[in-house]
Amino acid sequence: MAKEAVAILGGKGMLGTDLIETCQHEDFDVKVFDLPEFDITNSKQLEQAVNSARTIINCAAYTDVDGAENESELAHKINAEAVGQLGTLAKETNRWLLHISTDFVFDGNLNRPYTETDLPNPTNEYGRSKLAGEQLLVESGCRHCIMRIQWTYGLHGNNFVTKLIQRAKANNTLKVVNDQIGSPTSTIEVAKVICKLLLKKPQGFFHFASAGYISRYDMAKFIFEKLSMDVKLLPCKSSDYITAAARPLNSRFDCRKIMALLNEPITPWQVPLENFLRQL
């Protein structure tokens, strides 16, 4: 017998696609909402999505970090206003809502891993829009879980890993920043954890990332070694590599809170990343 109905908003994105497969594998009755048929900023469509299931997972987001600097209004409309409205609808209909957020709500200046109680301080428009979404969701008073994730990669979207490999094929000398530290996290691993949370329906903030930390430069080194690609890698600082949006240097998460809930260790980042590279 199928488990409860789950509505996944943003089901065609990198995380959403893996989440659908994982939820279906776990026998959840999955309902998918995404562009072009579904627009999270459309009130009527949002209401229909919320009414379709007892549990809502919101993966829908404006995720172009650099693009958000010029399209801040659109980013806020999708990442903040729509999320606030989603919270209001969830409160009115007594739905439990799991919302996906990001390490970009922090400025990255802390000299230790970030806990759920650390004060957010985003340094770019994308981060500001995601933080505003978190705040509006909390203010709505609905039953919710906000899961912050970071450095995600998967087979169904553009990400650091695939962009890096593309760049290496075009040019075998690459500069990669060595002062941004975090945990490469597979969307399949995120999806597995979400399925476990669906059974427990916790409330509040949770940080999730693969176990262990690495710099972007050392991550690139790992990728090219595993793929046996002959690439000349040059380390550089973020200040040498100008982007429209500033990136947090420290993206490390303290994941002890979610580990206690899951009651099992989190897989080290090397294992899922190696599995992912084998599938490319």
Protein backbone atom coordinates (compact mmCIF):
# COMPACT_ATOMS: atom_id res chain seq x y z
CA MET A 1 0.00 0.00 0.00
CA ALA A 2 1.36 3.42 -0.98
CA LYS A 3 2.37 5.74 1.84
CA GLU A 4 0.88 9.21 2.15
CA ALA A 5 0.58 11.67 -0.73
CA VAL A 6 3.49 14.09 -1.08
CA ALA A 7 3.46 17.17 -3.32
CA ILE A 8 6.88 18.12 -4.67
CA LEU A 9 7.11 21.72 -5.90
CA GLY A 10 10.01 22.24 -8.30
CA GLY A 11 10.05 18.55 -9.18
CA LYS A 12 11.92 18.90 -12.46
CA GLY A 13 15.05 20.51 -11.02
CA MET A 14 18.27 18.78 -9.99
CA LEU A 15 17.10 17.89 -6.48
CA GLY A 16 13.42 17.50 -7.41
CA THR A 17 14.12 14.84 -10.05
CA ASP A 18 16.16 12.69 -7.64
CA LEU A 19 13.59 13.29 -4.90
CA ILE A 20 10.71 12.04 -7.06
CA GLU A 21 12.58 8.81 -7.85
CA THR A 22 13.59 8.28 -4.21
CA CYS A 23 10.08 8.98 -2.85
CA GLN A 24 8.48 6.67 -5.40
CA HIS A 25 11.00 3.96 -4.51
CA GLU A 26 9.92 4.41 -0.86
CA ASP A 27 6.25 4.00 -1.92
CA PHE A 28 5.11 7.58 -1.37
CA ASP A 29 2.25 8.76 -3.59
CA VAL A 30 4.12 11.55 -5.39
CA LYS A 31 2.49 14.56 -7.04
CA VAL A 32 4.80 16.76 -9.11
CA PHE A 33 4.46 20.51 -9.71
CA ASP A 34 6.85 22.52 -11.87
CA LEU A 35 7.19 24.90 -14.78
CA PRO A 36 5.72 25.37 -17.36
CA GLU A 37 2.41 23.94 -16.01
CA PHE A 38 2.96 25.16 -12.45
CA ASP A 39 4.29 28.55 -11.35
CA ILE A 40 4.94 28.95 -7.60
CA THR A 41 4.24 32.71 -7.87
CA ASN A 42 0.69 32.01 -9.14
CA SER A 43 -1.61 32.03 -6.07
CA LYS A 44 -4.31 29.83 -7.59
CA GLN A 45 -1.83 27.19 -8.80
CA LEU A 46 -0.09 27.25 -5.42
CA GLU A 47 -3.40 26.65 -3.66
CA GLN A 48 -4.15 23.67 -5.92
CA ALA A 49 -0.70 22.20 -5.20
CA VAL A 50 -1.12 22.56 -1.43
CA ASN A 51 -4.57 20.96 -1.56
CA SER A 52 -3.25 17.96 -3.52
CA ALA A 53 -1.39 16.33 -0.62
CA ARG A 54 -1.02 16.27 3.18
CA THR A 55 2.74 16.86 2.93
CA ILE A 56 4.45 19.52 0.81
CA ILE A 57 8.13 19.65 -0.18
CA ASN A 58 9.30 22.92 -1.71
CA CYS A 59 12.34 22.56 -3.99
CA ALA A 60 11.16 25.37 -6.28
CA ALA A 61 13.61 28.26 -6.28
CA TYR A 62 15.38 30.92 -8.27
CA THR A 63 18.92 29.48 -8.10
CA ASP A 64 21.03 31.60 -10.47
CA VAL A 65 23.31 33.14 -7.82
CA ASP A 66 24.96 35.69 -10.13
CA GLY A 67 21.73 36.34 -12.06
CA ALA A 68 19.96 37.31 -8.82
CA GLU A 69 22.17 40.41 -8.57
CA ASN A 70 20.36 41.86 -11.62
CA GLU A 71 17.05 40.07 -11.12
CA SER A 72 16.64 40.60 -7.39
CA GLU A 73 12.92 41.36 -7.74
CA LEU A 74 12.27 38.04 -9.48
CA ALA A 75 14.49 36.14 -7.03
CA HIS A 76 12.56 37.63 -4.08
CA LYS A 77 9.22 36.89 -5.73
CA ILE A 78 10.09 33.18 -6.08
CA ASN A 79 12.36 32.59 -3.07
CA ALA A 80 10.59 34.81 -0.54
CA GLU A 81 7.05 36.04 -1.38
CA ALA A 82 5.88 32.71 -2.82
CA VAL A 83 7.36 30.83 0.15
CA GLY A 84 5.52 33.13 2.57
CA GLN A 85 2.28 32.48 0.72
CA LEU A 86 2.99 28.75 0.73
CA GLY A 87 3.41 28.93 4.53
CA THR A 88 0.09 30.77 4.91
CA LEU A 89 -1.72 28.13 2.83
CA ALA A 90 -0.04 25.31 4.77
CA LYS A 91 -1.14 26.93 8.05
CA GLU A 92 -4.74 27.36 6.85
CA THR A 93 -4.98 23.72 5.70
CA ASN A 94 -2.82 22.18 8.47
CA ARG A 95 -0.18 20.79 6.08
CA TRP A 96 3.40 19.94 7.10
CA LEU A 97 5.90 21.66 4.83
CA LEU A 98 9.55 20.87 4.17
CA HIS A 99 11.36 23.79 2.57
CA ILE A 100 14.85 23.67 1.02
CA SER A 101 17.24 26.50 1.85
CA THR A 102 20.96 27.15 1.50
CA ASP A 103 24.36 27.91 3.07
CA PHE A 104 24.18 31.29 1.27
CA VAL A 105 22.08 32.69 4.13
CA PHE A 106 25.43 32.97 6.00
CA ASP A 107 28.31 35.34 5.22
CA GLY A 108 30.96 32.61 5.59
CA ASN A 109 33.09 34.61 8.03
CA LEU A 110 32.75 32.24 10.98
CA ASN A 111 35.86 30.21 11.86
CA ARG A 112 33.90 27.05 12.68
CA PRO A 113 31.04 25.04 11.07
CA TYR A 114 27.65 26.77 11.12
CA THR A 115 24.93 25.52 13.46
CA GLU A 116 21.20 26.06 13.00
CA THR A 117 21.20 28.76 15.70
CA ASP A 118 23.96 30.90 14.14
CA LEU A 119 22.80 34.30 12.94
CA PRO A 120 22.32 34.49 9.15
CA ASN A 121 23.96 37.39 7.30
CA PRO A 122 23.78 36.89 3.51
CA THR A 123 26.23 38.79 1.30
CA ASN A 124 24.37 38.52 -2.02
CA GLU A 125 20.84 38.92 -3.41
CA TYR A 126 20.27 35.17 -3.79
CA GLY A 127 21.13 34.64 -0.11
CA ARG A 128 18.97 37.59 0.93
CA SER A 129 15.99 36.22 -1.02
CA LYS A 130 16.42 32.74 0.52
CA LEU A 131 16.70 34.18 4.03
CA ALA A 132 13.57 36.30 3.48
CA GLY A 133 11.76 33.09 2.43
CA GLU A 134 12.85 31.34 5.64
CA GLN A 135 11.66 34.29 7.75
CA LEU A 136 8.27 34.53 6.03
CA LEU A 137 7.78 30.79 6.42
CA VAL A 138 8.50 30.95 10.15
CA GLU A 139 6.17 33.98 10.49
CA SER A 140 3.32 32.09 8.76
CA GLY A 141 3.10 29.82 11.80
CA CYS A 142 2.66 26.64 9.75
CA ARG A 143 4.18 23.28 10.73
CA HIS A 144 7.45 23.38 8.85
CA CYS A 145 10.97 22.04 8.54
CA ILE A 146 13.64 24.17 6.86
CA MET A 147 16.50 22.09 5.53
CA ARG A 148 19.61 24.04 4.53
CA ILE A 149 21.86 22.26 2.05
CA GLN A 150 25.07 23.22 0.22
CA TRP A 151 27.41 22.48 -2.70
CA THR A 152 24.88 20.17 -4.33
CA TYR A 153 25.46 18.23 -7.53
CA GLY A 154 23.32 15.70 -9.42
CA LEU A 155 22.68 14.21 -12.83
CA HIS A 156 19.72 16.45 -13.63
CA GLY A 157 21.12 19.96 -13.57
CA ASN A 158 24.10 22.25 -13.97
CA ASN A 159 26.44 22.25 -11.00
CA PHE A 160 30.07 22.87 -10.01
CA VAL A 161 31.15 19.32 -10.98
CA THR A 162 29.67 19.30 -14.49
CA LYS A 163 30.74 22.91 -15.20
CA LEU A 164 34.28 22.08 -14.07
CA ILE A 165 34.50 19.07 -16.39
CA GLN A 166 33.14 21.15 -19.31
CA ARG A 167 35.73 23.86 -18.63
CA ALA A 168 38.54 21.27 -18.48
CA LYS A 169 37.53 19.84 -21.86
CA ALA A 170 37.76 23.31 -23.40
CA ASN A 171 40.99 24.30 -21.64
CA ASN A 172 43.37 21.99 -19.78
CA THR A 173 44.69 24.77 -17.51
CA LEU A 174 42.18 25.83 -14.89
CA LYS A 175 42.17 28.23 -11.97
CA VAL A 176 40.03 27.10 -9.03
CA VAL A 177 39.50 28.91 -5.73
CA ASN A 178 41.19 27.35 -2.72
CA ASP A 179 39.68 29.54 0.01
CA GLN A 180 36.04 28.40 -0.25
CA ILE A 181 35.49 25.42 2.07
CA GLY A 182 32.42 23.19 2.26
CA SER A 183 31.01 19.71 1.68
CA PRO A 184 30.19 18.44 -1.83
CA THR A 185 26.68 17.00 -1.40
CA SER A 186 24.87 14.67 -3.79
CA THR A 187 21.18 15.40 -4.44
CA ILE A 188 20.56 11.64 -4.13
CA GLU A 189 21.88 11.78 -0.55
CA VAL A 190 19.66 14.81 0.15
CA ALA A 191 16.64 12.96 -1.30
CA LYS A 192 17.26 9.91 0.91
CA VAL A 193 17.38 12.11 4.02
CA ILE A 194 14.19 13.96 3.01
CA CYS A 195 12.37 10.60 2.73
CA LYS A 196 13.42 9.80 6.30
CA LEU A 197 12.22 13.22 7.49
CA LEU A 198 8.83 12.60 5.85
CA LEU A 199 8.26 9.77 8.30
CA LYS A 200 9.19 11.88 11.35
CA LYS A 201 7.89 15.31 10.30
CA PRO A 202 10.26 17.29 12.53
CA GLN A 203 9.90 21.04 12.94
CA GLY A 204 12.51 23.78 12.82
CA PHE A 205 15.86 24.25 11.09
CA PHE A 206 18.22 21.45 10.05
CA HIS A 207 21.61 21.59 8.31
CA PHE A 208 22.50 18.74 5.98
CA ALA A 209 25.65 18.13 3.94
CA SER A 210 27.92 15.16 3.30
CA ALA A 211 30.44 14.42 6.04
CA GLY A 212 33.87 16.08 5.85
CA TYR A 213 35.06 19.38 4.36
CA ILE A 214 37.21 20.32 1.39
CA SER A 215 38.18 23.39 -0.65
CA ARG A 216 36.84 23.89 -4.17
CA TYR A 217 40.42 23.48 -5.44
CA ASP A 218 40.97 20.14 -3.68
CA MET A 219 37.54 18.99 -4.81
CA ALA A 220 38.55 19.73 -8.41
CA LYS A 221 41.79 17.80 -7.86
CA PHE A 222 39.79 14.81 -6.56
CA ILE A 223 37.43 14.92 -9.58
CA PHE A 224 40.19 15.04 -12.18
CA GLU A 225 42.18 12.28 -10.45
CA LYS A 226 39.14 9.99 -10.36
CA LEU A 227 38.36 10.72 -14.03
CA SER A 228 42.04 10.36 -15.01
CA MET A 229 41.88 13.73 -16.76
CA ASP A 230 45.14 15.52 -17.45
CA VAL A 231 44.34 19.03 -16.22
CA LYS A 232 46.76 21.64 -14.92
CA LEU A 233 45.09 23.08 -11.82
CA LEU A 234 46.12 26.43 -10.41
CA PRO A 235 44.90 27.56 -6.97
CA CYS A 236 43.60 31.10 -6.63
CA LYS A 237 41.76 33.25 -4.10
CA SER A 238 38.08 34.21 -4.41
CA SER A 239 39.24 37.84 -4.59
CA ASP A 240 41.15 36.95 -7.83
CA TYR A 241 38.07 35.36 -9.35
CA ILE A 242 35.51 38.11 -9.83
CA THR A 243 31.84 37.09 -9.93
CA ALA A 244 28.70 39.26 -9.81
CA ALA A 245 27.73 37.76 -6.44
CA ALA A 246 30.07 37.24 -3.48
CA ARG A 247 30.35 33.64 -2.23
CA PRO A 248 30.75 32.63 1.43
CA LEU A 249 34.30 31.37 2.09
CA ASN A 250 33.19 29.10 4.92
CA SER A 251 30.18 26.96 3.98
CA ARG A 252 30.87 24.26 6.56
CA PHE A 253 27.77 22.94 8.32
CA ASP A 254 27.54 21.36 11.74
CA CYS A 255 25.13 18.48 11.03
CA ARG A 256 24.87 17.00 14.52
CA LYS A 257 21.22 18.04 14.93
CA ILE A 258 20.01 16.13 11.85
CA MET A 259 22.33 13.20 12.66
CA ALA A 260 20.68 12.82 16.07
CA LEU A 261 17.28 12.79 14.36
CA LEU A 262 18.32 10.28 11.68
CA ASN A 263 20.14 8.21 14.30
CA GLU A 264 22.87 7.24 11.82
CA PRO A 265 26.15 8.68 10.54
CA ILE A 266 26.28 10.78 7.35
CA THR A 267 28.27 9.34 4.43
CA PRO A 268 31.63 11.08 3.73
CA TRP A 269 31.52 13.29 0.61
CA GLN A 270 34.06 11.15 -1.30
CA VAL A 271 31.72 8.12 -1.64
CA PRO A 272 28.68 9.75 -3.38
CA LEU A 273 30.96 11.96 -5.50
CA GLU A 274 32.87 8.94 -6.78
CA ASN A 275 29.58 7.18 -7.55
CA PHE A 276 28.37 10.27 -9.42
CA LEU A 277 31.57 10.50 -11.51
CA ARG A 278 31.15 6.84 -12.52
CA GLN A 279 27.72 7.64 -13.94
CA LEU A 280 28.89 10.55 -16.13
